[in-house]
C-alpha atoms as a PDB file:
ATOM      1  CA  UNK A   1      62.375 -49.346  30.545  1.00  0.00           C
ATOM      2  CA  UNK A   2      65.153 -47.193  29.445  1.00  0.00           C
ATOM      3  CA  UNK A   3      66.146 -44.042  31.256  1.00  0.00           C
ATOM      4  CA  UNK A   4      66.776 -42.271  27.966  1.00  0.00           C
ATOM      5  CA  UNK A   5      63.746 -40.533  26.551  1.00  0.00           C
ATOM      6  CA  UNK A   6      63.631 -39.418  22.992  1.00  0.00           C
ATOM      7  CA  UNK A   7      63.614 -35.679  22.615  1.00  0.00           C
ATOM      8  CA  UNK A   8      62.215 -34.144  19.472  1.00  0.00           C
ATOM      9  CA  UNK A   9      61.769 -30.512  18.826  1.00  0.00           C
ATOM     10  CA  UNK A  10      58.284 -29.274  18.033  1.00  0.00           C
ATOM     11  CA  UNK A  11      59.453 -27.283  15.037  1.00  0.00           C
ATOM     12  CA  UNK A  12      61.857 -28.340  12.392  1.00  0.00           C
ATOM     13  CA  UNK A  13      64.609 -26.027  11.260  1.00  0.00           C
ATOM     14  CA  UNK A  14      63.439 -25.979   7.651  1.00  0.00           C
ATOM     15  CA  UNK A  15      59.700 -25.548   8.391  1.00  0.00           C
ATOM     16  CA  UNK A  16      57.746 -22.457   7.456  1.00  0.00           C
ATOM     17  CA  UNK A  17      56.007 -20.659  10.301  1.00  0.00           C
ATOM     18  CA  UNK A  18      52.782 -18.839   9.513  1.00  0.00           C
ATOM     19  CA  UNK A  19      53.160 -15.115  10.301  1.00  0.00           C
ATOM     20  CA  UNK A  20      49.475 -14.843  11.268  1.00  0.00           C
ATOM     21  CA  UNK A  21      48.937 -17.703  13.712  1.00  0.00           C
ATOM     22  CA  UNK A  22      52.541 -18.708  14.455  1.00  0.00           C
ATOM     23  CA  UNK A  23      51.988 -22.390  13.676  1.00  0.00           C
ATOM     24  CA  UNK A  24      53.828 -24.472  11.134  1.00  0.00           C
ATOM     25  CA  UNK A  25      52.578 -23.962   7.589  1.00  0.00           C
ATOM     26  CA  UNK A  26      52.961 -26.604   4.920  1.00  0.00           C
ATOM     27  CA  UNK A  27      52.015 -24.386   1.979  1.00  0.00           C
ATOM     28  CA  UNK A  28      54.597 -22.976  -0.420  1.00  0.00           C
ATOM     29  CA  UNK A  29      53.837 -19.390   0.503  1.00  0.00           C
ATOM     30  CA  UNK A  30      54.513 -20.039   4.186  1.00  0.00           C
ATOM     31  CA  UNK A  31      51.044 -18.964   5.276  1.00  0.00           C
ATOM     32  CA  UNK A  32      47.936 -21.053   5.859  1.00  0.00           C
ATOM     33  CA  UNK A  33      45.173 -20.501   3.278  1.00  0.00           C
ATOM     34  CA  UNK A  34      42.703 -19.784   6.097  1.00  0.00           C
ATOM     35  CA  UNK A  35      45.021 -17.201   7.606  1.00  0.00           C
ATOM     36  CA  UNK A  36      45.531 -15.582   4.189  1.00  0.00           C
ATOM     37  CA  UNK A  37      41.760 -15.232   3.775  1.00  0.00           C
ATOM     38  CA  UNK A  38      41.434 -13.676   7.237  1.00  0.00           C
ATOM     39  CA  UNK A  39      44.215 -11.238   6.443  1.00  0.00           C
ATOM     40  CA  UNK A  40      42.703 -10.288   3.080  1.00  0.00           C
ATOM     41  CA  UNK A  41      39.214  -9.801   4.531  1.00  0.00           C
ATOM     42  CA  UNK A  42      40.312  -7.846   7.619  1.00  0.00           C
ATOM     43  CA  UNK A  43      39.447  -4.425   6.186  1.00  0.00           C
ATOM     44  CA  UNK A  44      36.022  -5.553   4.952  1.00  0.00           C
ATOM     45  CA  UNK A  45      35.288  -7.252   8.282  1.00  0.00           C
ATOM     46  CA  UNK A  46      36.075  -4.071  10.218  1.00  0.00           C
ATOM     47  CA  UNK A  47      33.824  -2.102   7.858  1.00  0.00           C
ATOM     48  CA  UNK A  48      30.948  -4.545   8.389  1.00  0.00           C
ATOM     49  CA  UNK A  49      31.387  -4.433  12.186  1.00  0.00           C
ATOM     50  CA  UNK A  50      31.257  -0.635  12.150  1.00  0.00           C
ATOM     51  CA  UNK A  51      28.111  -0.685   9.986  1.00  0.00           C
ATOM     52  CA  UNK A  52      26.398  -3.213  12.288  1.00  0.00           C
ATOM     53  CA  UNK A  53      27.268  -1.095  15.322  1.00  0.00           C
ATOM     54  CA  UNK A  54      25.841   2.002  13.644  1.00  0.00           C
ATOM     55  CA  UNK A  55      22.671   0.115  12.672  1.00  0.00           C
ATOM     56  CA  UNK A  56      22.216  -1.109  16.241  1.00  0.00           C
ATOM     57  CA  UNK A  57      22.495   2.421  17.654  1.00  0.00           C
ATOM     58  CA  UNK A  58      19.880   3.978  15.358  1.00  0.00           C
ATOM     59  CA  UNK A  59      16.272   3.307  16.340  1.00  0.00           C
ATOM     60  CA  UNK A  60      14.169   1.598  13.707  1.00  0.00           C
ATOM     61  CA  UNK A  61      10.524   2.293  13.030  1.00  0.00           C
ATOM     62  CA  UNK A  62       8.523  -0.751  12.194  1.00  0.00           C
ATOM     63  CA  UNK A  63       6.934  -0.321   8.783  1.00  0.00           C
ATOM     64  CA  UNK A  64       4.343  -3.060   9.307  1.00  0.00           C
ATOM     65  CA  UNK A  65       2.531  -1.002  11.951  1.00  0.00           C
ATOM     66  CA  UNK A  66       2.190   2.162   9.868  1.00  0.00           C
ATOM     67  CA  UNK A  67       0.471   3.047   6.620  1.00  0.00           C
ATOM     68  CA  UNK A  68       0.591   6.241   4.610  1.00  0.00           C
ATOM     69  CA  UNK A  69      -2.476   8.261   3.701  1.00  0.00           C
ATOM     70  CA  UNK A  70      -2.516   8.889  -0.070  1.00  0.00           C
ATOM     71  CA  UNK A  71      -4.354  12.198   0.398  1.00  0.00           C
ATOM     72  CA  UNK A  72      -2.240  13.964   3.052  1.00  0.00           C
ATOM     73  CA  UNK A  73       0.837  11.652   3.337  1.00  0.00           C
ATOM     74  CA  UNK A  74       0.250  11.267   7.073  1.00  0.00           C
ATOM     75  CA  UNK A  75       1.466   8.045   8.702  1.00  0.00           C
ATOM     76  CA  UNK A  76      -1.287   6.179  10.528  1.00  0.00           C
ATOM     77  CA  UNK A  77      -1.641   2.921  12.402  1.00  0.00           C
ATOM     78  CA  UNK A  78      -2.601   0.026  10.123  1.00  0.00           C
ATOM     79  CA  UNK A  79      -5.935  -0.587  11.857  1.00  0.00           C
ATOM     80  CA  UNK A  80      -7.143   2.978  11.570  1.00  0.00           C
ATOM     81  CA  UNK A  81      -9.950   3.128   8.971  1.00  0.00           C
ATOM     82  CA  UNK A  82     -10.309   6.898   8.498  1.00  0.00           C
ATOM     83  CA  UNK A  83      -7.538   9.513   8.392  1.00  0.00           C
ATOM     84  CA  UNK A  84      -7.825  12.890  10.153  1.00  0.00           C
ATOM     85  CA  UNK A  85      -8.055  14.560   6.725  1.00  0.00           C
ATOM     86  CA  UNK A  86     -11.184  12.539   5.937  1.00  0.00           C
ATOM     87  CA  UNK A  87      -9.724   9.872   3.647  1.00  0.00           C
ATOM     88  CA  UNK A  88     -11.342   6.484   4.233  1.00  0.00           C
ATOM     89  CA  UNK A  89      -9.332   3.288   3.752  1.00  0.00           C
ATOM     90  CA  UNK A  90     -11.103   0.256   2.305  1.00  0.00           C
END
């Protein structure tokens, strides 16, 4: 066993470093394709997150449990057979 250990640097002097993740990139542009996609979609992703947060905050009414009376436009439970206005559902 030799006392001399080989020392190699983790990065080469002529290697491209990705500006997004900081790792070595082998592409010509100097950025990983995955990182480029993340960078390009960042604005759309933030927009979608904001929309999902807004949707989660607003209460939703379940449409399957309500039906609309054609005579008076009142919303009733689906199992109700006769509306208060007198309209009968068949």
